[in-house]
Amino acid sequence: MILRKYMAMLGVGSAQIDLILEKDTYRPGEIVKGNFIVKGGLIEQRLNRIDCDLMMCTEPNESKNEKLLDSITIYTTKVIESSTTNHIPFSFQLPHSVDSSCNPSYRFKSKLTFKQGIESVDHDAIYILEA
């Protein structure tokens, strides 16, 4: 049991997050809906928060050219039991002023933060059409 605890603290066998969206194409100002799927790892872990950032990237595959457009945070003290699946509703209103002049790509970067252990991160691309 102690070995599992330390493995989870290092990220091996810790809980994972996956953002599942209703669709992947949106217009500026539209509400994005979906669910966070949180899958328990080898041991139970106490979740502190879920962060979800809307990122814009002006060059493909270049994370250094990312820009944070907006963010939401869900604070919680939920315990994620080992080997369970939890569904947490997600809703996010896209900004009305989204720059499409430089042909950027957009993605949601979701992150679980635990009381102990490392963070779990998920990336989900979306397409934003011109208004």
N, C-alpha and C. Protein backbone atom coordinates (compact mmCIF):
# COMPACT_ATOMS: atom_id res chain seq x y z
N MET A 1 0.83 -1.20 0.00
CA MET A 1 0.00 0.00 0.00
C MET A 1 0.87 1.26 0.00
N ILE A 2 1.94 1.26 0.76
CA ILE A 2 2.82 2.42 0.81
C ILE A 2 3.47 2.63 -0.55
N LEU A 3 3.85 1.54 -1.21
CA LEU A 3 4.46 1.65 -2.54
C LEU A 3 3.48 2.29 -3.52
N ARG A 4 2.22 1.90 -3.47
CA ARG A 4 1.20 2.49 -4.35
C ARG A 4 1.04 3.98 -4.09
N LYS A 5 1.07 4.37 -2.81
CA LYS A 5 0.92 5.77 -2.45
C LYS A 5 2.06 6.59 -3.05
N TYR A 6 3.28 6.12 -2.92
CA TYR A 6 4.43 6.86 -3.47
C TYR A 6 4.44 6.84 -4.99
N MET A 7 3.98 5.75 -5.59
CA MET A 7 3.88 5.70 -7.05
C MET A 7 2.88 6.75 -7.54
N ALA A 8 1.74 6.89 -6.86
CA ALA A 8 0.73 7.88 -7.24
C ALA A 8 1.27 9.29 -7.07
N MET A 9 2.08 9.52 -6.03
CA MET A 9 2.68 10.83 -5.82
C MET A 9 3.65 11.17 -6.95
N LEU A 10 4.22 10.17 -7.58
CA LEU A 10 5.12 10.38 -8.70
C LEU A 10 4.39 10.38 -10.04
N GLY A 11 3.09 10.11 -10.01
CA GLY A 11 2.29 10.14 -11.22
C GLY A 11 1.98 8.78 -11.81
N VAL A 12 2.59 7.75 -11.28
CA VAL A 12 2.34 6.40 -11.79
C VAL A 12 1.08 5.86 -11.12
N GLY A 13 0.04 5.63 -11.89
CA GLY A 13 -1.19 5.08 -11.34
C GLY A 13 -2.06 6.10 -10.64
N SER A 14 -1.84 7.40 -10.88
CA SER A 14 -2.69 8.41 -10.24
C SER A 14 -3.96 8.61 -11.07
N ALA A 15 -4.92 9.31 -10.50
CA ALA A 15 -6.18 9.57 -11.19
C ALA A 15 -5.92 10.38 -12.46
N GLN A 16 -6.80 10.21 -13.46
CA GLN A 16 -6.65 10.88 -14.76
C GLN A 16 -7.91 11.66 -15.09
N ILE A 17 -7.76 12.73 -15.87
CA ILE A 17 -8.89 13.54 -16.31
C ILE A 17 -9.00 13.49 -17.83
N ASP A 18 -10.23 13.52 -18.31
CA ASP A 18 -10.50 13.57 -19.74
C ASP A 18 -11.73 14.46 -19.93
N LEU A 19 -11.59 15.52 -20.73
CA LEU A 19 -12.72 16.40 -21.02
C LEU A 19 -13.41 15.89 -22.27
N ILE A 20 -14.68 15.57 -22.15
CA ILE A 20 -15.49 15.10 -23.27
C ILE A 20 -16.48 16.21 -23.61
N LEU A 21 -16.36 16.75 -24.83
CA LEU A 21 -17.21 17.85 -25.27
C LEU A 21 -18.35 17.33 -26.15
N GLU A 22 -19.48 18.06 -26.17
CA GLU A 22 -20.62 17.67 -27.00
C GLU A 22 -20.29 17.76 -28.48
N LYS A 23 -19.41 18.69 -28.87
CA LYS A 23 -18.99 18.86 -30.25
C LYS A 23 -17.63 19.54 -30.26
N ASP A 24 -17.02 19.72 -31.42
CA ASP A 24 -15.70 20.34 -31.44
C ASP A 24 -15.62 21.61 -32.27
N THR A 25 -16.75 22.09 -32.82
CA THR A 25 -16.76 23.31 -33.62
C THR A 25 -17.75 24.31 -33.01
N TYR A 26 -17.28 25.55 -32.81
CA TYR A 26 -18.07 26.57 -32.12
C TYR A 26 -17.93 27.92 -32.81
N ARG A 27 -18.77 28.85 -32.39
CA ARG A 27 -18.69 30.24 -32.82
C ARG A 27 -18.35 31.11 -31.61
N PRO A 28 -17.73 32.28 -31.82
CA PRO A 28 -17.43 33.16 -30.69
C PRO A 28 -18.68 33.44 -29.86
N GLY A 29 -18.51 33.42 -28.54
CA GLY A 29 -19.61 33.67 -27.61
C GLY A 29 -20.48 32.47 -27.31
N GLU A 30 -20.30 31.37 -28.03
CA GLU A 30 -21.11 30.17 -27.82
C GLU A 30 -20.72 29.48 -26.50
N ILE A 31 -21.67 28.77 -25.92
CA ILE A 31 -21.41 28.02 -24.69
C ILE A 31 -20.96 26.60 -25.06
N VAL A 32 -19.83 26.22 -24.52
CA VAL A 32 -19.28 24.88 -24.72
C VAL A 32 -19.75 24.02 -23.56
N LYS A 33 -20.32 22.85 -23.87
CA LYS A 33 -20.81 21.95 -22.82
C LYS A 33 -20.17 20.58 -22.98
N GLY A 34 -20.06 19.90 -21.85
CA GLY A 34 -19.50 18.56 -21.85
C GLY A 34 -19.38 18.04 -20.43
N ASN A 35 -18.46 17.10 -20.24
CA ASN A 35 -18.22 16.51 -18.93
C ASN A 35 -16.74 16.25 -18.74
N PHE A 36 -16.28 16.48 -17.52
CA PHE A 36 -14.97 16.00 -17.12
C PHE A 36 -15.17 14.56 -16.69
N ILE A 37 -14.37 13.65 -17.21
CA ILE A 37 -14.38 12.27 -16.76
C ILE A 37 -13.11 12.09 -15.92
N VAL A 38 -13.30 11.79 -14.64
CA VAL A 38 -12.17 11.61 -13.74
C VAL A 38 -12.12 10.13 -13.36
N LYS A 39 -11.04 9.47 -13.77
CA LYS A 39 -10.87 8.04 -13.49
C LYS A 39 -9.88 7.86 -12.35
N GLY A 40 -10.32 7.12 -11.34
CA GLY A 40 -9.47 6.86 -10.20
C GLY A 40 -8.27 6.00 -10.56
N GLY A 41 -7.20 6.17 -9.82
CA GLY A 41 -5.97 5.43 -10.07
C GLY A 41 -5.85 4.22 -9.17
N LEU A 42 -4.61 3.93 -8.76
CA LEU A 42 -4.35 2.75 -7.93
C LEU A 42 -4.80 2.93 -6.48
N ILE A 43 -4.79 4.17 -6.00
CA ILE A 43 -5.22 4.44 -4.63
C ILE A 43 -6.22 5.59 -4.63
N GLU A 44 -6.94 5.77 -3.52
CA GLU A 44 -7.82 6.93 -3.43
C GLU A 44 -6.97 8.18 -3.27
N GLN A 45 -7.44 9.27 -3.89
CA GLN A 45 -6.73 10.55 -3.82
C GLN A 45 -7.74 11.66 -3.55
N ARG A 46 -7.34 12.63 -2.74
CA ARG A 46 -8.21 13.77 -2.45
C ARG A 46 -7.93 14.86 -3.48
N LEU A 47 -8.97 15.20 -4.23
CA LEU A 47 -8.88 16.21 -5.28
C LEU A 47 -9.06 17.59 -4.66
N ASN A 48 -8.17 18.53 -4.99
CA ASN A 48 -8.30 19.90 -4.50
C ASN A 48 -9.04 20.79 -5.48
N ARG A 49 -8.72 20.64 -6.77
CA ARG A 49 -9.39 21.49 -7.75
C ARG A 49 -9.22 20.95 -9.17
N ILE A 50 -10.08 21.45 -10.06
CA ILE A 50 -9.98 21.19 -11.48
C ILE A 50 -9.84 22.55 -12.16
N ASP A 51 -8.81 22.72 -12.94
CA ASP A 51 -8.60 23.94 -13.72
C ASP A 51 -8.80 23.61 -15.19
N CYS A 52 -9.43 24.52 -15.91
CA CYS A 52 -9.59 24.35 -17.35
C CYS A 52 -9.30 25.68 -18.02
N ASP A 53 -8.28 25.71 -18.85
CA ASP A 53 -7.84 26.93 -19.52
C ASP A 53 -8.14 26.84 -21.01
N LEU A 54 -8.66 27.92 -21.58
CA LEU A 54 -8.81 28.03 -23.02
C LEU A 54 -7.54 28.67 -23.55
N MET A 55 -6.81 27.92 -24.38
CA MET A 55 -5.53 28.37 -24.90
C MET A 55 -5.65 28.63 -26.40
N MET A 56 -4.90 29.65 -26.86
CA MET A 56 -4.80 29.93 -28.29
C MET A 56 -3.34 29.77 -28.69
N CYS A 57 -3.12 29.07 -29.79
CA CYS A 57 -1.76 28.86 -30.28
C CYS A 57 -1.70 29.37 -31.71
N THR A 58 -0.73 30.26 -31.99
CA THR A 58 -0.64 30.87 -33.32
C THR A 58 0.23 30.06 -34.27
N GLU A 59 1.01 29.13 -33.76
CA GLU A 59 1.81 28.26 -34.61
C GLU A 59 1.56 26.82 -34.21
N PRO A 60 1.31 25.94 -35.19
CA PRO A 60 1.02 24.54 -34.87
C PRO A 60 2.18 23.88 -34.09
N ASN A 61 1.81 23.09 -33.10
CA ASN A 61 2.77 22.31 -32.30
C ASN A 61 3.81 23.17 -31.60
N GLU A 62 3.50 24.42 -31.32
CA GLU A 62 4.43 25.31 -30.64
C GLU A 62 3.81 25.78 -29.33
N SER A 63 4.06 25.08 -28.24
CA SER A 63 3.46 25.45 -26.97
C SER A 63 4.02 26.77 -26.43
N LYS A 64 5.21 27.19 -26.91
CA LYS A 64 5.78 28.45 -26.42
C LYS A 64 5.01 29.65 -26.96
N ASN A 65 4.23 29.49 -28.01
CA ASN A 65 3.44 30.57 -28.58
C ASN A 65 1.98 30.50 -28.14
N GLU A 66 1.74 29.88 -27.00
CA GLU A 66 0.39 29.78 -26.47
C GLU A 66 0.02 31.05 -25.71
N LYS A 67 -1.27 31.35 -25.76
CA LYS A 67 -1.79 32.50 -25.01
C LYS A 67 -3.03 32.05 -24.27
N LEU A 68 -3.10 32.34 -22.98
CA LEU A 68 -4.27 32.03 -22.17
C LEU A 68 -5.36 33.04 -22.46
N LEU A 69 -6.53 32.57 -22.91
CA LEU A 69 -7.64 33.46 -23.22
C LEU A 69 -8.62 33.59 -22.06
N ASP A 70 -8.89 32.48 -21.39
CA ASP A 70 -9.85 32.48 -20.30
C ASP A 70 -9.65 31.20 -19.50
N SER A 71 -10.18 31.18 -18.29
CA SER A 71 -9.96 30.03 -17.42
C SER A 71 -11.13 29.87 -16.45
N ILE A 72 -11.39 28.62 -16.06
CA ILE A 72 -12.33 28.34 -14.98
C ILE A 72 -11.65 27.41 -13.99
N THR A 73 -12.07 27.52 -12.73
CA THR A 73 -11.55 26.65 -11.68
C THR A 73 -12.71 26.12 -10.86
N ILE A 74 -12.70 24.82 -10.62
CA ILE A 74 -13.69 24.18 -9.76
C ILE A 74 -12.95 23.71 -8.51
N TYR A 75 -13.27 24.32 -7.36
CA TYR A 75 -12.66 23.91 -6.10
C TYR A 75 -13.49 22.79 -5.49
N THR A 76 -12.82 21.79 -4.94
CA THR A 76 -13.52 20.64 -4.39
C THR A 76 -12.65 19.95 -3.34
N THR A 77 -13.25 19.14 -2.52
CA THR A 77 -12.53 18.29 -1.58
C THR A 77 -12.92 16.84 -1.82
N LYS A 78 -13.38 16.55 -3.02
CA LYS A 78 -13.87 15.22 -3.37
C LYS A 78 -12.74 14.19 -3.30
N VAL A 79 -13.06 13.03 -2.78
CA VAL A 79 -12.12 11.91 -2.76
C VAL A 79 -12.40 11.06 -3.99
N ILE A 80 -11.37 10.86 -4.79
CA ILE A 80 -11.48 10.01 -5.98
C ILE A 80 -11.05 8.61 -5.57
N GLU A 81 -12.02 7.71 -5.50
CA GLU A 81 -11.73 6.33 -5.09
C GLU A 81 -10.96 5.61 -6.19
N SER A 82 -10.16 4.64 -5.80
CA SER A 82 -9.39 3.89 -6.79
C SER A 82 -10.33 3.14 -7.74
N SER A 83 -9.96 3.11 -8.99
CA SER A 83 -10.67 2.37 -10.04
C SER A 83 -12.14 2.77 -10.23
N THR A 84 -12.49 4.03 -9.92
CA THR A 84 -13.85 4.50 -10.17
C THR A 84 -13.84 5.54 -11.28
N THR A 85 -15.02 5.82 -11.83
CA THR A 85 -15.16 6.84 -12.85
C THR A 85 -16.18 7.86 -12.37
N ASN A 86 -15.79 9.13 -12.39
CA ASN A 86 -16.64 10.22 -11.94
C ASN A 86 -16.93 11.16 -13.10
N HIS A 87 -18.18 11.61 -13.22
CA HIS A 87 -18.58 12.55 -14.27
C HIS A 87 -18.89 13.89 -13.61
N ILE A 88 -18.23 14.94 -14.07
CA ILE A 88 -18.44 16.28 -13.53
C ILE A 88 -18.85 17.19 -14.69
N PRO A 89 -20.03 17.82 -14.62
CA PRO A 89 -20.51 18.66 -15.73
C PRO A 89 -19.55 19.82 -16.02
N PHE A 90 -19.46 20.19 -17.30
CA PHE A 90 -18.58 21.26 -17.75
C PHE A 90 -19.38 22.22 -18.62
N SER A 91 -19.23 23.52 -18.36
CA SER A 91 -19.87 24.55 -19.16
C SER A 91 -18.92 25.75 -19.20
N PHE A 92 -18.73 26.30 -20.40
CA PHE A 92 -17.74 27.35 -20.58
C PHE A 92 -18.21 28.26 -21.72
N GLN A 93 -18.34 29.56 -21.46
CA GLN A 93 -18.73 30.48 -22.53
C GLN A 93 -17.48 31.03 -23.21
N LEU A 94 -17.41 30.81 -24.52
CA LEU A 94 -16.28 31.32 -25.29
C LEU A 94 -16.34 32.84 -25.34
N PRO A 95 -15.18 33.50 -25.36
CA PRO A 95 -15.18 34.96 -25.48
C PRO A 95 -15.83 35.39 -26.80
N HIS A 96 -16.49 36.55 -26.80
CA HIS A 96 -17.12 37.06 -28.02
C HIS A 96 -16.08 37.58 -29.01
N SER A 97 -14.96 38.04 -28.48
CA SER A 97 -13.91 38.56 -29.35
C SER A 97 -12.77 37.55 -29.42
N VAL A 98 -12.82 36.71 -30.44
CA VAL A 98 -11.79 35.70 -30.65
C VAL A 98 -11.04 36.06 -31.92
N ASP A 99 -9.72 36.14 -31.84
CA ASP A 99 -8.90 36.53 -32.98
C ASP A 99 -8.76 35.36 -33.95
N SER A 100 -9.21 35.57 -35.18
CA SER A 100 -9.06 34.53 -36.20
C SER A 100 -8.19 35.00 -37.36
N SER A 101 -7.58 36.18 -37.20
CA SER A 101 -6.80 36.76 -38.29
C SER A 101 -5.50 36.01 -38.58
N CYS A 102 -4.90 35.40 -37.58
CA CYS A 102 -3.62 34.71 -37.77
C CYS A 102 -3.80 33.19 -37.88
N ASN A 103 -5.04 32.73 -38.13
CA ASN A 103 -5.36 31.31 -38.26
C ASN A 103 -4.88 30.50 -37.06
N PRO A 104 -5.29 30.89 -35.86
CA PRO A 104 -4.82 30.18 -34.66
C PRO A 104 -5.55 28.87 -34.43
N SER A 105 -5.00 28.06 -33.56
CA SER A 105 -5.69 26.86 -33.10
C SER A 105 -6.06 27.10 -31.63
N TYR A 106 -7.11 26.43 -31.19
CA TYR A 106 -7.60 26.60 -29.83
C TYR A 106 -7.70 25.25 -29.17
N ARG A 107 -7.49 25.24 -27.85
CA ARG A 107 -7.64 24.00 -27.10
C ARG A 107 -7.94 24.29 -25.65
N PHE A 108 -8.61 23.33 -25.03
CA PHE A 108 -8.83 23.38 -23.60
C PHE A 108 -7.74 22.54 -22.94
N LYS A 109 -7.13 23.09 -21.92
CA LYS A 109 -6.11 22.39 -21.14
C LYS A 109 -6.72 22.17 -19.76
N SER A 110 -7.07 20.92 -19.46
CA SER A 110 -7.72 20.56 -18.19
C SER A 110 -6.69 19.96 -17.26
N LYS A 111 -6.79 20.29 -15.97
CA LYS A 111 -5.79 19.81 -15.02
C LYS A 111 -6.43 19.48 -13.68
N LEU A 112 -6.11 18.29 -13.16
CA LEU A 112 -6.50 17.90 -11.81
C LEU A 112 -5.36 18.25 -10.87
N THR A 113 -5.69 18.81 -9.71
CA THR A 113 -4.67 19.07 -8.69
C THR A 113 -5.09 18.34 -7.42
N PHE A 114 -4.20 17.51 -6.93
CA PHE A 114 -4.49 16.67 -5.76
C PHE A 114 -3.84 17.23 -4.51
N LYS A 115 -4.35 16.79 -3.36
CA LYS A 115 -3.74 17.17 -2.09
C LYS A 115 -2.31 16.62 -2.03
N GLN A 116 -2.13 15.39 -2.48
CA GLN A 116 -0.81 14.78 -2.57
C GLN A 116 -0.66 14.19 -3.96
N GLY A 117 0.47 14.31 -4.52
CA GLY A 117 0.71 13.72 -5.83
C GLY A 117 0.82 14.78 -6.90
N ILE A 118 1.13 14.36 -8.10
CA ILE A 118 1.31 15.30 -9.19
C ILE A 118 -0.01 15.64 -9.84
N GLU A 119 0.03 16.54 -10.79
CA GLU A 119 -1.17 16.94 -11.50
C GLU A 119 -1.39 16.05 -12.71
N SER A 120 -2.63 15.87 -13.09
CA SER A 120 -3.00 15.14 -14.29
C SER A 120 -3.53 16.15 -15.30
N VAL A 121 -3.03 16.09 -16.55
CA VAL A 121 -3.38 17.10 -17.56
C VAL A 121 -3.97 16.43 -18.79
N ASP A 122 -4.94 17.11 -19.42
CA ASP A 122 -5.58 16.66 -20.65
C ASP A 122 -5.69 17.85 -21.60
N HIS A 123 -5.54 17.61 -22.91
CA HIS A 123 -5.65 18.64 -23.93
C HIS A 123 -6.74 18.25 -24.92
N ASP A 124 -7.63 19.19 -25.25
CA ASP A 124 -8.70 18.93 -26.20
C ASP A 124 -8.82 20.09 -27.17
N ALA A 125 -8.57 19.82 -28.45
CA ALA A 125 -8.65 20.85 -29.49
C ALA A 125 -10.10 21.14 -29.84
N ILE A 126 -10.36 22.43 -30.11
CA ILE A 126 -11.67 22.84 -30.63
C ILE A 126 -11.43 23.77 -31.82
N TYR A 127 -12.45 23.94 -32.62
CA TYR A 127 -12.38 24.82 -33.78
C TYR A 127 -13.37 25.95 -33.57
N ILE A 128 -12.91 27.18 -33.74
CA ILE A 128 -13.78 28.33 -33.59
C ILE A 128 -13.90 28.99 -34.96
N LEU A 129 -15.14 29.03 -35.47
CA LEU A 129 -15.42 29.61 -36.77
C LEU A 129 -15.52 31.13 -36.64
N GLU A 130 -15.35 31.83 -37.73
CA GLU A 130 -15.50 33.28 -37.71
C GLU A 130 -16.96 33.63 -37.46
N ALA A 131 -17.15 34.73 -36.80
CA ALA A 131 -18.51 35.17 -36.42
C ALA A 131 -19.36 35.48 -37.63
